[in-house]
Amino acid sequence: MVKIGMSTEIFVEKISEEAILPAYAHDGDAGMDLYSVSDVVIAPGETVLIHTGLKFAIPKGYEVQVRPRSGLSLNTPLRIPNAPGTIDSGYRGEICVILENTSPETSAQEQDLLLTDKGNRKGPYHVKKGDRIAQMVVACYETSSFQLVESVEGIGDDRKGGFGSTGV
């Protein structure tokens, strides 16, 4: 893994011929699309694992975050329930995306809906090979250590407030 200017190199292994390598669509983008390598129907109320056919070697000090695509979230009831999902530098297995169909389980359509369908229609969704299912962001992180103290009062600034303290 070599740092090249503002870029971090991540080694990628394709474990499926259908796998599509992530790439930035535009200069300055933070996210890259992840693609499905299989056809899967996600029924209302169902949560499934979608395979990308890729394995990464991520350098220490970095993670890959798996996030929803905004258009998919707007136009379908499909959600990534653990978003953002973290892929740690020590993981060498296949990159997969957890997708949940939040349609009511009583939803029924005569045919499977597609990811390209608009209007956030409810029912079963057919994820096809090559569909963009999520986006990934490479992020730098720091590790921390914890020091046990008697009280955190007086350490740093206390903004005096918690859940809902800034109003509605």
N, C-alpha and C. Protein backbone atom coordinates (compact mmCIF):
# COMPACT_ATOMS: atom_id res chain seq x y z
N MET A 1 0.83 -1.16 0.00
CA MET A 1 0.00 0.00 0.00
C MET A 1 0.88 1.24 0.00
N VAL A 2 0.66 2.06 -0.98
CA VAL A 2 1.52 3.21 -1.18
C VAL A 2 0.68 4.47 -1.20
N LYS A 3 1.10 5.47 -0.45
CA LYS A 3 0.42 6.77 -0.45
C LYS A 3 0.89 7.54 -1.68
N ILE A 4 -0.04 7.94 -2.55
CA ILE A 4 0.30 8.64 -3.78
C ILE A 4 -0.40 10.01 -3.73
N GLY A 5 0.32 11.05 -3.35
CA GLY A 5 -0.29 12.37 -3.26
C GLY A 5 -1.44 12.35 -2.28
N MET A 6 -2.64 12.69 -2.76
CA MET A 6 -3.84 12.70 -1.93
C MET A 6 -4.59 11.37 -2.02
N SER A 7 -3.96 10.36 -2.54
CA SER A 7 -4.64 9.10 -2.80
C SER A 7 -4.00 7.97 -1.99
N THR A 8 -4.82 7.04 -1.55
CA THR A 8 -4.34 5.86 -0.86
C THR A 8 -4.62 4.65 -1.74
N GLU A 9 -3.61 3.83 -1.96
CA GLU A 9 -3.77 2.66 -2.82
C GLU A 9 -4.34 1.51 -2.02
N ILE A 10 -5.40 0.90 -2.56
CA ILE A 10 -6.01 -0.28 -1.97
C ILE A 10 -5.93 -1.39 -3.02
N PHE A 11 -5.37 -2.52 -2.62
CA PHE A 11 -5.27 -3.65 -3.54
C PHE A 11 -6.62 -4.37 -3.57
N VAL A 12 -7.04 -4.76 -4.78
CA VAL A 12 -8.35 -5.37 -5.00
C VAL A 12 -8.18 -6.71 -5.70
N GLU A 13 -8.91 -7.71 -5.22
CA GLU A 13 -8.96 -9.02 -5.88
C GLU A 13 -10.38 -9.25 -6.37
N LYS A 14 -10.50 -9.59 -7.66
CA LYS A 14 -11.81 -9.96 -8.22
C LYS A 14 -11.99 -11.46 -8.02
N ILE A 15 -13.03 -11.84 -7.31
CA ILE A 15 -13.32 -13.26 -7.12
C ILE A 15 -14.52 -13.71 -7.95
N SER A 16 -15.02 -12.80 -8.77
CA SER A 16 -16.11 -13.09 -9.69
C SER A 16 -15.84 -12.35 -10.99
N GLU A 17 -16.08 -13.01 -12.11
CA GLU A 17 -15.87 -12.35 -13.41
C GLU A 17 -16.81 -11.18 -13.59
N GLU A 18 -17.98 -11.20 -12.93
CA GLU A 18 -18.96 -10.12 -13.05
C GLU A 18 -18.61 -8.90 -12.20
N ALA A 19 -17.59 -9.01 -11.35
CA ALA A 19 -17.25 -7.91 -10.44
C ALA A 19 -16.83 -6.67 -11.20
N ILE A 20 -17.28 -5.52 -10.72
CA ILE A 20 -16.94 -4.23 -11.29
C ILE A 20 -16.13 -3.46 -10.25
N LEU A 21 -14.95 -2.99 -10.65
CA LEU A 21 -14.10 -2.26 -9.71
C LEU A 21 -14.72 -0.91 -9.38
N PRO A 22 -14.65 -0.50 -8.11
CA PRO A 22 -15.14 0.83 -7.74
C PRO A 22 -14.28 1.90 -8.43
N ALA A 23 -14.92 2.99 -8.80
CA ALA A 23 -14.20 4.12 -9.41
C ALA A 23 -14.97 5.39 -9.11
N TYR A 24 -14.26 6.49 -9.02
CA TYR A 24 -14.91 7.78 -8.81
C TYR A 24 -15.57 8.22 -10.11
N ALA A 25 -16.83 8.64 -10.03
CA ALA A 25 -17.55 9.10 -11.23
C ALA A 25 -17.09 10.49 -11.65
N HIS A 26 -16.72 11.34 -10.68
CA HIS A 26 -16.31 12.71 -10.97
C HIS A 26 -15.12 13.08 -10.12
N ASP A 27 -14.27 13.96 -10.64
CA ASP A 27 -13.14 14.47 -9.88
C ASP A 27 -13.66 15.14 -8.61
N GLY A 28 -13.09 14.80 -7.49
CA GLY A 28 -13.50 15.38 -6.22
C GLY A 28 -14.56 14.60 -5.47
N ASP A 29 -15.12 13.55 -6.08
CA ASP A 29 -16.11 12.72 -5.38
C ASP A 29 -15.46 12.02 -4.19
N ALA A 30 -16.23 11.82 -3.13
CA ALA A 30 -15.76 11.06 -1.97
C ALA A 30 -16.13 9.59 -2.09
N GLY A 31 -17.27 9.30 -2.74
CA GLY A 31 -17.78 7.94 -2.80
C GLY A 31 -17.62 7.30 -4.17
N MET A 32 -17.53 5.97 -4.14
CA MET A 32 -17.47 5.15 -5.35
C MET A 32 -18.57 4.11 -5.25
N ASP A 33 -19.22 3.80 -6.36
CA ASP A 33 -20.30 2.83 -6.35
C ASP A 33 -19.81 1.41 -6.17
N LEU A 34 -20.62 0.62 -5.47
CA LEU A 34 -20.43 -0.83 -5.36
C LEU A 34 -21.55 -1.49 -6.15
N TYR A 35 -21.22 -2.60 -6.83
CA TYR A 35 -22.14 -3.25 -7.76
C TYR A 35 -22.42 -4.69 -7.34
N SER A 36 -23.63 -5.14 -7.63
CA SER A 36 -24.02 -6.53 -7.37
C SER A 36 -23.44 -7.46 -8.43
N VAL A 37 -23.02 -8.66 -8.02
CA VAL A 37 -22.56 -9.66 -8.99
C VAL A 37 -23.57 -10.79 -9.16
N SER A 38 -24.74 -10.64 -8.53
CA SER A 38 -25.74 -11.70 -8.65
C SER A 38 -27.13 -11.11 -8.74
N ASP A 39 -28.06 -11.92 -9.22
CA ASP A 39 -29.47 -11.55 -9.27
C ASP A 39 -30.12 -12.02 -7.97
N VAL A 40 -30.77 -11.09 -7.28
CA VAL A 40 -31.40 -11.40 -6.00
C VAL A 40 -32.74 -10.68 -5.94
N VAL A 41 -33.78 -11.37 -5.47
CA VAL A 41 -35.06 -10.72 -5.20
C VAL A 41 -35.17 -10.54 -3.69
N ILE A 42 -35.45 -9.30 -3.28
CA ILE A 42 -35.59 -8.99 -1.87
C ILE A 42 -37.08 -8.75 -1.59
N ALA A 43 -37.69 -9.68 -0.89
CA ALA A 43 -39.12 -9.59 -0.59
C ALA A 43 -39.37 -8.53 0.48
N PRO A 44 -40.59 -8.01 0.57
CA PRO A 44 -40.92 -7.07 1.63
C PRO A 44 -40.57 -7.65 3.01
N GLY A 45 -39.93 -6.86 3.84
CA GLY A 45 -39.55 -7.29 5.18
C GLY A 45 -38.30 -8.14 5.24
N GLU A 46 -37.68 -8.44 4.10
CA GLU A 46 -36.52 -9.32 4.05
C GLU A 46 -35.22 -8.52 4.07
N THR A 47 -34.19 -9.10 4.68
CA THR A 47 -32.84 -8.54 4.69
C THR A 47 -31.92 -9.57 4.07
N VAL A 48 -31.11 -9.13 3.09
CA VAL A 48 -30.24 -10.06 2.37
C VAL A 48 -28.83 -9.50 2.26
N LEU A 49 -27.90 -10.38 1.96
CA LEU A 49 -26.51 -10.02 1.74
C LEU A 49 -26.27 -10.01 0.23
N ILE A 50 -25.84 -8.86 -0.30
CA ILE A 50 -25.58 -8.73 -1.73
C ILE A 50 -24.06 -8.79 -1.94
N HIS A 51 -23.61 -9.68 -2.80
CA HIS A 51 -22.19 -9.89 -3.05
C HIS A 51 -21.68 -8.92 -4.11
N THR A 52 -20.43 -8.44 -3.93
CA THR A 52 -19.80 -7.56 -4.91
C THR A 52 -18.73 -8.29 -5.73
N GLY A 53 -18.29 -9.46 -5.29
CA GLY A 53 -17.25 -10.20 -6.00
C GLY A 53 -15.87 -9.60 -5.83
N LEU A 54 -15.68 -8.77 -4.81
CA LEU A 54 -14.40 -8.10 -4.58
C LEU A 54 -13.88 -8.36 -3.18
N LYS A 55 -12.56 -8.45 -3.08
CA LYS A 55 -11.87 -8.49 -1.79
C LYS A 55 -10.87 -7.34 -1.79
N PHE A 56 -10.69 -6.69 -0.64
CA PHE A 56 -9.77 -5.56 -0.52
C PHE A 56 -8.67 -5.86 0.47
N ALA A 57 -7.52 -5.26 0.24
CA ALA A 57 -6.45 -5.18 1.24
C ALA A 57 -6.33 -3.70 1.57
N ILE A 58 -6.90 -3.32 2.70
CA ILE A 58 -6.97 -1.92 3.13
C ILE A 58 -5.80 -1.65 4.06
N PRO A 59 -5.06 -0.55 3.86
CA PRO A 59 -3.92 -0.28 4.74
C PRO A 59 -4.36 0.06 6.16
N LYS A 60 -3.50 -0.25 7.14
CA LYS A 60 -3.77 0.12 8.53
C LYS A 60 -3.93 1.62 8.61
N GLY A 61 -4.84 2.05 9.47
CA GLY A 61 -5.13 3.48 9.61
C GLY A 61 -6.25 3.94 8.69
N TYR A 62 -6.79 3.00 7.89
CA TYR A 62 -7.88 3.31 6.97
C TYR A 62 -9.01 2.30 7.16
N GLU A 63 -10.19 2.70 6.77
CA GLU A 63 -11.35 1.83 6.72
C GLU A 63 -12.09 2.13 5.43
N VAL A 64 -12.94 1.23 5.01
CA VAL A 64 -13.88 1.50 3.92
C VAL A 64 -15.25 1.55 4.56
N GLN A 65 -15.96 2.66 4.33
CA GLN A 65 -17.32 2.81 4.84
C GLN A 65 -18.30 2.50 3.71
N VAL A 66 -19.27 1.64 3.99
CA VAL A 66 -20.31 1.30 3.02
C VAL A 66 -21.53 2.13 3.39
N ARG A 67 -22.01 2.91 2.43
CA ARG A 67 -23.10 3.86 2.67
C ARG A 67 -24.19 3.70 1.61
N PRO A 68 -25.39 4.17 1.94
CA PRO A 68 -26.46 4.12 0.94
C PRO A 68 -26.18 5.07 -0.23
N ARG A 69 -26.73 4.75 -1.37
CA ARG A 69 -26.76 5.67 -2.51
C ARG A 69 -28.02 6.52 -2.33
N SER A 70 -27.91 7.81 -2.50
CA SER A 70 -29.05 8.70 -2.22
C SER A 70 -30.24 8.40 -3.12
N GLY A 71 -30.00 8.14 -4.40
CA GLY A 71 -31.10 7.85 -5.32
C GLY A 71 -31.83 6.58 -4.95
N LEU A 72 -31.09 5.57 -4.51
CA LEU A 72 -31.71 4.31 -4.10
C LEU A 72 -32.57 4.52 -2.85
N SER A 73 -32.08 5.34 -1.92
CA SER A 73 -32.84 5.62 -0.70
C SER A 73 -34.09 6.45 -0.99
N LEU A 74 -34.00 7.36 -1.95
CA LEU A 74 -35.14 8.20 -2.30
C LEU A 74 -36.20 7.43 -3.07
N ASN A 75 -35.77 6.59 -4.00
CA ASN A 75 -36.69 5.98 -4.96
C ASN A 75 -37.15 4.57 -4.63
N THR A 76 -36.57 3.94 -3.62
CA THR A 76 -36.97 2.58 -3.24
C THR A 76 -37.07 2.48 -1.72
N PRO A 77 -37.70 1.44 -1.21
CA PRO A 77 -37.72 1.21 0.23
C PRO A 77 -36.53 0.37 0.70
N LEU A 78 -35.48 0.27 -0.15
CA LEU A 78 -34.31 -0.52 0.22
C LEU A 78 -33.38 0.32 1.08
N ARG A 79 -32.91 -0.27 2.18
CA ARG A 79 -32.05 0.43 3.13
C ARG A 79 -30.86 -0.44 3.49
N ILE A 80 -29.77 0.22 3.89
CA ILE A 80 -28.60 -0.46 4.44
C ILE A 80 -28.72 -0.31 5.95
N PRO A 81 -29.17 -1.35 6.66
CA PRO A 81 -29.52 -1.19 8.07
C PRO A 81 -28.34 -0.89 8.99
N ASN A 82 -27.13 -1.21 8.59
CA ASN A 82 -25.97 -0.94 9.45
C ASN A 82 -25.14 0.24 8.93
N ALA A 83 -25.77 1.13 8.16
CA ALA A 83 -25.04 2.24 7.54
C ALA A 83 -24.58 3.27 8.56
N PRO A 84 -23.36 3.76 8.46
CA PRO A 84 -22.37 3.24 7.51
C PRO A 84 -21.73 1.97 8.04
N GLY A 85 -21.61 0.99 7.18
CA GLY A 85 -20.92 -0.24 7.55
C GLY A 85 -19.42 -0.03 7.44
N THR A 86 -18.68 -0.59 8.37
CA THR A 86 -17.23 -0.43 8.39
C THR A 86 -16.55 -1.71 7.94
N ILE A 87 -15.61 -1.58 7.00
CA ILE A 87 -14.75 -2.68 6.60
C ILE A 87 -13.37 -2.33 7.13
N ASP A 88 -12.91 -3.12 8.09
CA ASP A 88 -11.63 -2.86 8.76
C ASP A 88 -10.45 -3.29 7.89
N SER A 89 -9.28 -2.72 8.21
CA SER A 89 -8.07 -3.01 7.44
C SER A 89 -7.64 -4.48 7.52
N GLY A 90 -8.01 -5.17 8.57
CA GLY A 90 -7.62 -6.56 8.72
C GLY A 90 -8.55 -7.56 8.05
N TYR A 91 -9.66 -7.10 7.47
CA TYR A 91 -10.63 -8.00 6.83
C TYR A 91 -10.19 -8.30 5.40
N ARG A 92 -10.16 -9.57 5.04
CA ARG A 92 -9.76 -9.97 3.69
C ARG A 92 -10.83 -10.78 2.98
N GLY A 93 -12.02 -10.85 3.54
CA GLY A 93 -13.11 -11.58 2.89
C GLY A 93 -13.79 -10.74 1.82
N GLU A 94 -14.81 -11.31 1.21
CA GLU A 94 -15.54 -10.60 0.16
C GLU A 94 -16.30 -9.42 0.74
N ILE A 95 -16.31 -8.32 -0.01
CA ILE A 95 -17.08 -7.14 0.37
C ILE A 95 -18.53 -7.42 -0.02
N CYS A 96 -19.41 -7.34 0.96
CA CYS A 96 -20.84 -7.55 0.73
C CYS A 96 -21.62 -6.38 1.32
N VAL A 97 -22.83 -6.19 0.85
CA VAL A 97 -23.69 -5.11 1.32
C VAL A 97 -24.98 -5.72 1.85
N ILE A 98 -25.36 -5.32 3.06
CA ILE A 98 -26.62 -5.76 3.64
C ILE A 98 -27.72 -4.83 3.15
N LEU A 99 -28.72 -5.37 2.46
CA LEU A 99 -29.86 -4.57 2.00
C LEU A 99 -31.14 -5.11 2.63
N GLU A 100 -31.96 -4.18 3.10
CA GLU A 100 -33.24 -4.52 3.73
C GLU A 100 -34.36 -3.87 2.92
N ASN A 101 -35.39 -4.64 2.62
CA ASN A 101 -36.57 -4.10 1.96
C ASN A 101 -37.56 -3.72 3.04
N THR A 102 -37.72 -2.40 3.26
CA THR A 102 -38.59 -1.92 4.34
C THR A 102 -40.06 -1.83 3.92
N SER A 103 -40.41 -2.36 2.74
CA SER A 103 -41.81 -2.43 2.35
C SER A 103 -42.58 -3.22 3.39
N PRO A 104 -43.83 -2.85 3.66
CA PRO A 104 -44.64 -3.68 4.56
C PRO A 104 -44.73 -5.10 4.01
N GLU A 105 -44.71 -6.06 4.92
CA GLU A 105 -44.71 -7.46 4.47
C GLU A 105 -45.98 -7.83 3.72
N THR A 106 -47.00 -7.01 3.82
CA THR A 106 -48.24 -7.29 3.10
C THR A 106 -48.23 -6.72 1.69
N SER A 107 -47.15 -5.98 1.35
CA SER A 107 -47.06 -5.39 0.00
C SER A 107 -46.97 -6.50 -1.03
N ALA A 108 -47.69 -6.31 -2.11
CA ALA A 108 -47.63 -7.29 -3.20
C ALA A 108 -47.67 -6.56 -4.53
N GLN A 109 -46.87 -6.98 -5.45
CA GLN A 109 -46.85 -6.46 -6.81
C GLN A 109 -46.98 -7.66 -7.74
N GLU A 110 -47.48 -7.42 -8.92
CA GLU A 110 -47.59 -8.50 -9.88
C GLU A 110 -46.22 -8.94 -10.38
N GLN A 111 -45.26 -8.03 -10.38
CA GLN A 111 -43.91 -8.36 -10.83
C GLN A 111 -42.92 -7.71 -9.89
N ASP A 112 -41.69 -8.20 -9.94
CA ASP A 112 -40.64 -7.62 -9.12
C ASP A 112 -40.32 -6.21 -9.61
N LEU A 113 -40.12 -5.32 -8.66
CA LEU A 113 -39.71 -3.96 -8.98
C LEU A 113 -38.20 -3.94 -9.22
N LEU A 114 -37.73 -2.95 -9.97
CA LEU A 114 -36.31 -2.82 -10.27
C LEU A 114 -35.73 -1.62 -9.54
N LEU A 115 -34.41 -1.60 -9.36
CA LEU A 115 -33.76 -0.48 -8.68
C LEU A 115 -33.91 0.81 -9.46
N THR A 116 -34.18 0.71 -10.75
CA THR A 116 -34.36 1.90 -11.58
C THR A 116 -35.78 2.45 -11.52
N ASP A 117 -36.71 1.73 -10.89
CA ASP A 117 -38.08 2.22 -10.76
C ASP A 117 -38.11 3.42 -9.83
N LYS A 118 -38.94 4.38 -10.15
CA LYS A 118 -39.06 5.61 -9.35
C LYS A 118 -40.32 5.57 -8.49
N GLY A 119 -40.39 6.47 -7.54
CA GLY A 119 -41.62 6.63 -6.77
C GLY A 119 -41.67 5.87 -5.47
N ASN A 120 -40.56 5.26 -5.06
CA ASN A 120 -40.52 4.54 -3.78
C ASN A 120 -41.68 3.55 -3.65
N ARG A 121 -41.90 2.78 -4.71
CA ARG A 121 -42.99 1.80 -4.72
C ARG A 121 -42.67 0.65 -3.77
N LYS A 122 -43.70 0.12 -3.15
CA LYS A 122 -43.55 -0.97 -2.18
C LYS A 122 -43.74 -2.30 -2.87
N GLY A 123 -43.00 -3.32 -2.39
CA GLY A 123 -43.10 -4.66 -2.94
C GLY A 123 -41.74 -5.31 -3.05
N PRO A 124 -41.67 -6.47 -3.71
CA PRO A 124 -40.39 -7.15 -3.88
C PRO A 124 -39.52 -6.40 -4.89
N TYR A 125 -38.21 -6.36 -4.62
CA TYR A 125 -37.27 -5.69 -5.52
C TYR A 125 -36.28 -6.70 -6.08
N HIS A 126 -36.05 -6.59 -7.39
CA HIS A 126 -35.11 -7.47 -8.08
C HIS A 126 -33.81 -6.69 -8.26
N VAL A 127 -32.76 -7.12 -7.55
CA VAL A 127 -31.42 -6.59 -7.74
C VAL A 127 -30.77 -7.45 -8.81
N LYS A 128 -30.31 -6.79 -9.88
CA LYS A 128 -29.71 -7.52 -10.99
C LYS A 128 -28.19 -7.38 -10.98
N LYS A 129 -27.52 -8.34 -11.63
CA LYS A 129 -26.07 -8.24 -11.81
C LYS A 129 -25.75 -6.89 -12.43
N GLY A 130 -24.76 -6.21 -11.86
CA GLY A 130 -24.34 -4.92 -12.39
C GLY A 130 -25.07 -3.73 -11.82
N ASP A 131 -26.12 -3.96 -11.00
CA ASP A 131 -26.81 -2.84 -10.36
C ASP A 131 -25.91 -2.18 -9.33
N ARG A 132 -25.98 -0.87 -9.25
CA ARG A 132 -25.27 -0.12 -8.21
C ARG A 132 -26.10 -0.21 -6.93
N ILE A 133 -25.52 -0.82 -5.89
CA ILE A 133 -26.28 -1.13 -4.68
C ILE A 133 -25.90 -0.27 -3.48
N ALA A 134 -24.75 0.36 -3.52
CA ALA A 134 -24.28 1.16 -2.39
C ALA A 134 -23.11 1.99 -2.88
N GLN A 135 -22.59 2.82 -1.98
CA GLN A 135 -21.34 3.50 -2.28
C GLN A 135 -20.36 3.25 -1.15
N MET A 136 -19.09 3.39 -1.48
CA MET A 136 -18.06 3.21 -0.48
C MET A 136 -17.20 4.45 -0.40
N VAL A 137 -16.72 4.75 0.80
CA VAL A 137 -15.83 5.87 1.04
C VAL A 137 -14.63 5.33 1.80
N VAL A 138 -13.44 5.67 1.35
CA VAL A 138 -12.22 5.31 2.07
C VAL A 138 -11.94 6.42 3.06
N ALA A 139 -11.78 6.05 4.33
CA ALA A 139 -11.60 7.05 5.38
C ALA A 139 -10.41 6.70 6.26
N CYS A 140 -9.68 7.73 6.64
CA CYS A 140 -8.56 7.60 7.57
C CYS A 140 -9.13 7.67 8.98
N TYR A 141 -8.54 6.94 9.91
CA TYR A 141 -9.00 6.99 11.29
C TYR A 141 -7.81 6.91 12.23
N GLU A 142 -8.06 7.29 13.47
CA GLU A 142 -7.05 7.16 14.52
C GLU A 142 -7.57 6.15 15.54
N THR A 143 -6.66 5.42 16.14
CA THR A 143 -7.06 4.54 17.24
C THR A 143 -6.92 5.32 18.54
N SER A 144 -7.61 4.86 19.56
CA SER A 144 -7.63 5.55 20.86
C SER A 144 -7.30 4.58 21.97
N SER A 145 -6.88 5.15 23.07
CA SER A 145 -6.75 4.36 24.30
C SER A 145 -7.63 5.04 25.34
N PHE A 146 -8.03 4.31 26.33
CA PHE A 146 -8.93 4.83 27.35
C PHE A 146 -8.21 4.86 28.69
N GLN A 147 -8.41 5.95 29.41
CA GLN A 147 -7.82 6.11 30.73
C GLN A 147 -8.95 6.27 31.73
N LEU A 148 -9.04 5.38 32.68
CA LEU A 148 -10.09 5.42 33.69
C LEU A 148 -9.79 6.53 34.68
N VAL A 149 -10.80 7.39 34.94
CA VAL A 149 -10.67 8.49 35.90
C VAL A 149 -11.85 8.42 36.87
N GLU A 150 -11.73 9.10 37.99
CA GLU A 150 -12.82 9.15 38.98
C GLU A 150 -14.01 9.92 38.43
N SER A 151 -13.75 11.03 37.70
CA SER A 151 -14.81 11.88 37.16
C SER A 151 -14.29 12.59 35.92
N VAL A 152 -15.17 12.80 34.96
CA VAL A 152 -14.79 13.55 33.77
C VAL A 152 -15.11 15.04 33.94
N GLU A 153 -15.73 15.41 35.06
CA GLU A 153 -16.00 16.82 35.35
C GLU A 153 -14.69 17.58 35.37
N GLY A 154 -14.64 18.73 34.71
CA GLY A 154 -13.45 19.56 34.69
C GLY A 154 -12.43 19.17 33.64
N ILE A 155 -12.68 18.11 32.88
CA ILE A 155 -11.77 17.74 31.80
C ILE A 155 -12.38 18.26 30.50
N GLY A 156 -11.72 19.25 29.89
CA GLY A 156 -12.26 19.85 28.67
C GLY A 156 -13.49 20.69 28.97
N ASP A 157 -14.27 20.99 27.93
CA ASP A 157 -15.46 21.82 28.08
C ASP A 157 -16.70 20.93 28.13
N ASP A 158 -17.64 21.27 29.03
CA ASP A 158 -18.93 20.57 29.12
C ASP A 158 -19.98 21.51 28.55
N ARG A 159 -20.63 21.13 27.47
CA ARG A 159 -21.62 22.01 26.84
C ARG A 159 -22.96 21.99 27.55
N LYS A 160 -23.09 21.20 28.60
CA LYS A 160 -24.29 21.17 29.45
C LYS A 160 -25.56 20.87 28.66
N GLY A 161 -25.68 19.70 28.17
CA GLY A 161 -26.90 19.32 27.46
C GLY A 161 -26.74 17.95 26.84
N GLY A 162 -27.84 17.36 26.53
CA GLY A 162 -27.81 16.02 25.94
C GLY A 162 -28.89 15.88 24.92
N PHE A 163 -29.55 14.76 24.95
CA PHE A 163 -30.58 14.42 23.97
C PHE A 163 -31.68 15.49 23.95
N GLY A 164 -31.81 16.16 22.82
CA GLY A 164 -32.86 17.17 22.65
C GLY A 164 -32.57 18.50 23.31
N SER A 165 -31.37 18.73 23.81
CA SER A 165 -31.07 19.96 24.56
C SER A 165 -31.05 21.21 23.70
N THR A 166 -30.94 21.07 22.37
CA THR A 166 -30.91 22.27 21.52
C THR A 166 -32.29 22.61 20.99
N GLY A 167 -33.32 21.90 21.41
CA GLY A 167 -34.69 22.20 20.98
C GLY A 167 -35.08 21.45 19.73
N VAL A 168 -36.23 21.85 19.20
CA VAL A 168 -36.78 21.20 18.02
C VAL A 168 -36.57 22.05 16.80
